[in-house]
Amino acid sequence: MKQFLKLLQWTLNAAVFFTLFAFALNNQHEAKVYFFFGTQWRSPMVLIVLIAFALGMVVGVLGMVPRWWRQKQAAKAVQTTATPVSSASPTSPSGSASSASTATIPSEVSHGT
């Protein structure tokens, strides 16, 4: 089953690659991008689309960074407030040792909302 999933992943990756390659071959004509004050940039259409996609990815990632930092800080705060499990685990009423973790986690964690 694991080998089938790897084969499926490679097949999907190849399909995406060949689709993008065909897109690039079909959009080789020159296009103009007009900026302010009459300036323009002439380049193949596929390059313009690729740069627009890359800039969109960069803006999206930069937009998510503050939330990632807040979540990382919240996770650190939860880890520091959790009490470590002692080596002598408490016993249940029947006398056997409990296998569940005894770490205390705060009931409310702020997720930045």
C-alpha atoms as a PDB file:
ATOM      1  CA  MET A   1       0.000   0.000   0.000  1.00  0.00           C
ATOM      2  CA  LYS A   2       2.839   2.372   0.856  1.00  0.00           C
ATOM      3  CA  GLN A   3       4.508   1.725  -2.484  1.00  0.00           C
ATOM      4  CA  PHE A   4       1.214   2.386  -4.273  1.00  0.00           C
ATOM      5  CA  LEU A   5       0.932   5.776  -2.550  1.00  0.00           C
ATOM      6  CA  LYS A   6       4.489   6.661  -3.606  1.00  0.00           C
ATOM      7  CA  LEU A   7       3.668   5.706  -7.189  1.00  0.00           C
ATOM      8  CA  LEU A   8       0.483   7.784  -7.033  1.00  0.00           C
ATOM      9  CA  GLN A   9       2.424  10.757  -5.683  1.00  0.00           C
ATOM     10  CA  TRP A  10       5.034  10.501  -8.453  1.00  0.00           C
ATOM     11  CA  THR A  11       2.270  10.224 -11.054  1.00  0.00           C
ATOM     12  CA  LEU A  12       0.541  13.350  -9.722  1.00  0.00           C
ATOM     13  CA  ASN A  13       3.849  15.230  -9.581  1.00  0.00           C
ATOM     14  CA  ALA A  14       4.593  14.258 -13.181  1.00  0.00           C
ATOM     15  CA  ALA A  15       1.111  15.337 -14.281  1.00  0.00           C
ATOM     16  CA  VAL A  16       1.521  18.740 -12.637  1.00  0.00           C
ATOM     17  CA  PHE A  17       4.985  19.168 -14.150  1.00  0.00           C
ATOM     18  CA  PHE A  18       3.866  18.303 -17.683  1.00  0.00           C
ATOM     19  CA  THR A  19       0.789  20.522 -17.361  1.00  0.00           C
ATOM     20  CA  LEU A  20       2.953  23.470 -16.330  1.00  0.00           C
ATOM     21  CA  PHE A  21       5.473  22.647 -19.063  1.00  0.00           C
ATOM     22  CA  ALA A  22       2.702  22.630 -21.691  1.00  0.00           C
ATOM     23  CA  PHE A  23       1.437  25.940 -20.296  1.00  0.00           C
ATOM     24  CA  ALA A  24       4.913  27.425 -20.656  1.00  0.00           C
ATOM     25  CA  LEU A  25       5.234  26.184 -24.240  1.00  0.00           C
ATOM     26  CA  ASN A  26       1.835  27.604 -25.191  1.00  0.00           C
ATOM     27  CA  ASN A  27       2.522  31.039 -23.680  1.00  0.00           C
ATOM     28  CA  GLN A  28       5.836  32.007 -25.204  1.00  0.00           C
ATOM     29  CA  HIS A  29       4.556  35.113 -26.957  1.00  0.00           C
ATOM     30  CA  GLU A  30       5.795  38.446 -25.709  1.00  0.00           C
ATOM     31  CA  ALA A  31       3.646  40.495 -23.367  1.00  0.00           C
ATOM     32  CA  LYS A  32       3.931  43.974 -21.896  1.00  0.00           C
ATOM     33  CA  VAL A  33       3.466  44.991 -18.298  1.00  0.00           C
ATOM     34  CA  TYR A  34       2.723  48.692 -17.936  1.00  0.00           C
ATOM     35  CA  PHE A  35       3.983  50.439 -14.812  1.00  0.00           C
ATOM     36  CA  PHE A  36       3.539  54.026 -13.661  1.00  0.00           C
ATOM     37  CA  PHE A  37       4.762  57.053 -15.601  1.00  0.00           C
ATOM     38  CA  GLY A  38       4.725  55.305 -18.971  1.00  0.00           C
ATOM     39  CA  THR A  39       7.309  52.658 -18.156  1.00  0.00           C
ATOM     40  CA  GLN A  40       6.762  49.171 -19.466  1.00  0.00           C
ATOM     41  CA  TRP A  41       8.386  45.780 -19.277  1.00  0.00           C
ATOM     42  CA  ARG A  42       8.373  43.329 -22.183  1.00  0.00           C
ATOM     43  CA  SER A  43       8.845  39.667 -21.413  1.00  0.00           C
ATOM     44  CA  PRO A  44       7.472  36.243 -22.330  1.00  0.00           C
ATOM     45  CA  MET A  45       4.009  35.687 -20.873  1.00  0.00           C
ATOM     46  CA  VAL A  46       5.070  32.588 -18.934  1.00  0.00           C
ATOM     47  CA  LEU A  47       7.775  34.556 -17.121  1.00  0.00           C
ATOM     48  CA  ILE A  48       5.281  37.240 -16.128  1.00  0.00           C
ATOM     49  CA  VAL A  49       2.842  34.644 -14.810  1.00  0.00           C
ATOM     50  CA  LEU A  50       5.622  32.842 -12.915  1.00  0.00           C
ATOM     51  CA  ILE A  51       6.800  36.065 -11.272  1.00  0.00           C
ATOM     52  CA  ALA A  52       3.226  37.011 -10.316  1.00  0.00           C
ATOM     53  CA  PHE A  53       2.729  33.559  -8.772  1.00  0.00           C
ATOM     54  CA  ALA A  54       6.014  33.777  -6.842  1.00  0.00           C
ATOM     55  CA  LEU A  55       5.179  37.249  -5.532  1.00  0.00           C
ATOM     56  CA  GLY A  56       1.768  36.001  -4.415  1.00  0.00           C
ATOM     57  CA  MET A  57       3.391  33.118  -2.549  1.00  0.00           C
ATOM     58  CA  VAL A  58       5.829  35.487  -0.823  1.00  0.00           C
ATOM     59  CA  VAL A  59       3.040  37.848   0.241  1.00  0.00           C
ATOM     60  CA  GLY A  60       0.969  34.910   1.521  1.00  0.00           C
ATOM     61  CA  VAL A  61       3.816  33.468   3.573  1.00  0.00           C
ATOM     62  CA  LEU A  62       4.726  36.875   5.002  1.00  0.00           C
ATOM     63  CA  GLY A  63       1.084  37.340   5.949  1.00  0.00           C
ATOM     64  CA  MET A  64       1.097  34.069   7.914  1.00  0.00           C
ATOM     65  CA  VAL A  65       4.396  34.622   9.763  1.00  0.00           C
ATOM     66  CA  PRO A  66       2.957  36.715  12.648  1.00  0.00           C
ATOM     67  CA  ARG A  67       0.331  34.071  13.391  1.00  0.00           C
ATOM     68  CA  TRP A  68       2.979  31.311  13.294  1.00  0.00           C
ATOM     69  CA  TRP A  69       5.062  33.262  15.811  1.00  0.00           C
ATOM     70  CA  ARG A  70       2.076  33.748  18.131  1.00  0.00           C
ATOM     71  CA  GLN A  71       1.203  30.053  17.965  1.00  0.00           C
ATOM     72  CA  LYS A  72       4.817  29.097  18.624  1.00  0.00           C
ATOM     73  CA  GLN A  73       4.906  31.394  21.664  1.00  0.00           C
ATOM     74  CA  ALA A  74       1.601  29.974  22.932  1.00  0.00           C
ATOM     75  CA  ALA A  75       2.942  26.426  22.543  1.00  0.00           C
ATOM     76  CA  LYS A  76       6.089  27.364  24.477  1.00  0.00           C
ATOM     77  CA  ALA A  77       3.960  28.925  27.206  1.00  0.00           C
ATOM     78  CA  VAL A  78       1.896  25.751  27.495  1.00  0.00           C
ATOM     79  CA  GLN A  79       5.044  23.621  27.700  1.00  0.00           C
ATOM     80  CA  THR A  80       6.587  25.782  30.421  1.00  0.00           C
ATOM     81  CA  THR A  81       3.410  25.786  32.525  1.00  0.00           C
ATOM     82  CA  ALA A  82       2.964  22.024  32.245  1.00  0.00           C
ATOM     83  CA  THR A  83       4.379  20.183  35.213  1.00  0.00           C
ATOM     84  CA  PRO A  84       6.879  17.484  34.302  1.00  0.00           C
ATOM     85  CA  VAL A  85       5.933  13.878  34.945  1.00  0.00           C
ATOM     86  CA  SER A  86       7.699  12.657  38.060  1.00  0.00           C
ATOM     87  CA  SER A  87       9.619   9.390  38.059  1.00  0.00           C
ATOM     88  CA  ALA A  88       7.340   7.952  40.743  1.00  0.00           C
ATOM     89  CA  SER A  89       3.993   7.670  39.001  1.00  0.00           C
ATOM     90  CA  PRO A  90       0.875   7.656  41.178  1.00  0.00           C
ATOM     91  CA  THR A  91      -0.852   4.361  41.682  1.00  0.00           C
ATOM     92  CA  SER A  92      -4.482   3.690  41.008  1.00  0.00           C
ATOM     93  CA  PRO A  93      -6.767   2.387  43.789  1.00  0.00           C
ATOM     94  CA  SER A  94      -6.166  -1.175  42.589  1.00  0.00           C
ATOM     95  CA  GLY A  95      -2.437  -0.761  43.187  1.00  0.00           C
ATOM     96  CA  SER A  96      -1.234  -0.799  39.563  1.00  0.00           C
ATOM     97  CA  ALA A  97       0.682   2.137  38.118  1.00  0.00           C
ATOM     98  CA  SER A  98      -1.217   4.541  35.911  1.00  0.00           C
ATOM     99  CA  SER A  99      -0.010   4.700  32.298  1.00  0.00           C
ATOM    100  CA  ALA A 100      -1.660   8.049  31.560  1.00  0.00           C
ATOM    101  CA  SER A 101       0.397  11.227  31.562  1.00  0.00           C
ATOM    102  CA  THR A 102      -0.069  13.401  34.629  1.00  0.00           C
ATOM    103  CA  ALA A 103       1.069  16.661  33.019  1.00  0.00           C
ATOM    104  CA  THR A 104      -1.196  19.586  33.795  1.00  0.00           C
ATOM    105  CA  ILE A 105      -2.295  21.643  30.787  1.00  0.00           C
ATOM    106  CA  PRO A 106      -4.143  24.948  31.257  1.00  0.00           C
ATOM    107  CA  SER A 107      -7.809  24.704  30.371  1.00  0.00           C
ATOM    108  CA  GLU A 108      -7.811  27.864  28.236  1.00  0.00           C
ATOM    109  CA  VAL A 109      -5.126  28.710  25.700  1.00  0.00           C
ATOM    110  CA  SER A 110      -5.378  31.911  23.731  1.00  0.00           C
ATOM    111  CA  HIS A 111      -5.058  31.334  19.977  1.00  0.00           C
ATOM    112  CA  GLY A 112      -4.732  34.981  19.069  1.00  0.00           C
ATOM    113  CA  THR A 113      -8.396  35.493  18.240  1.00  0.00           C
END
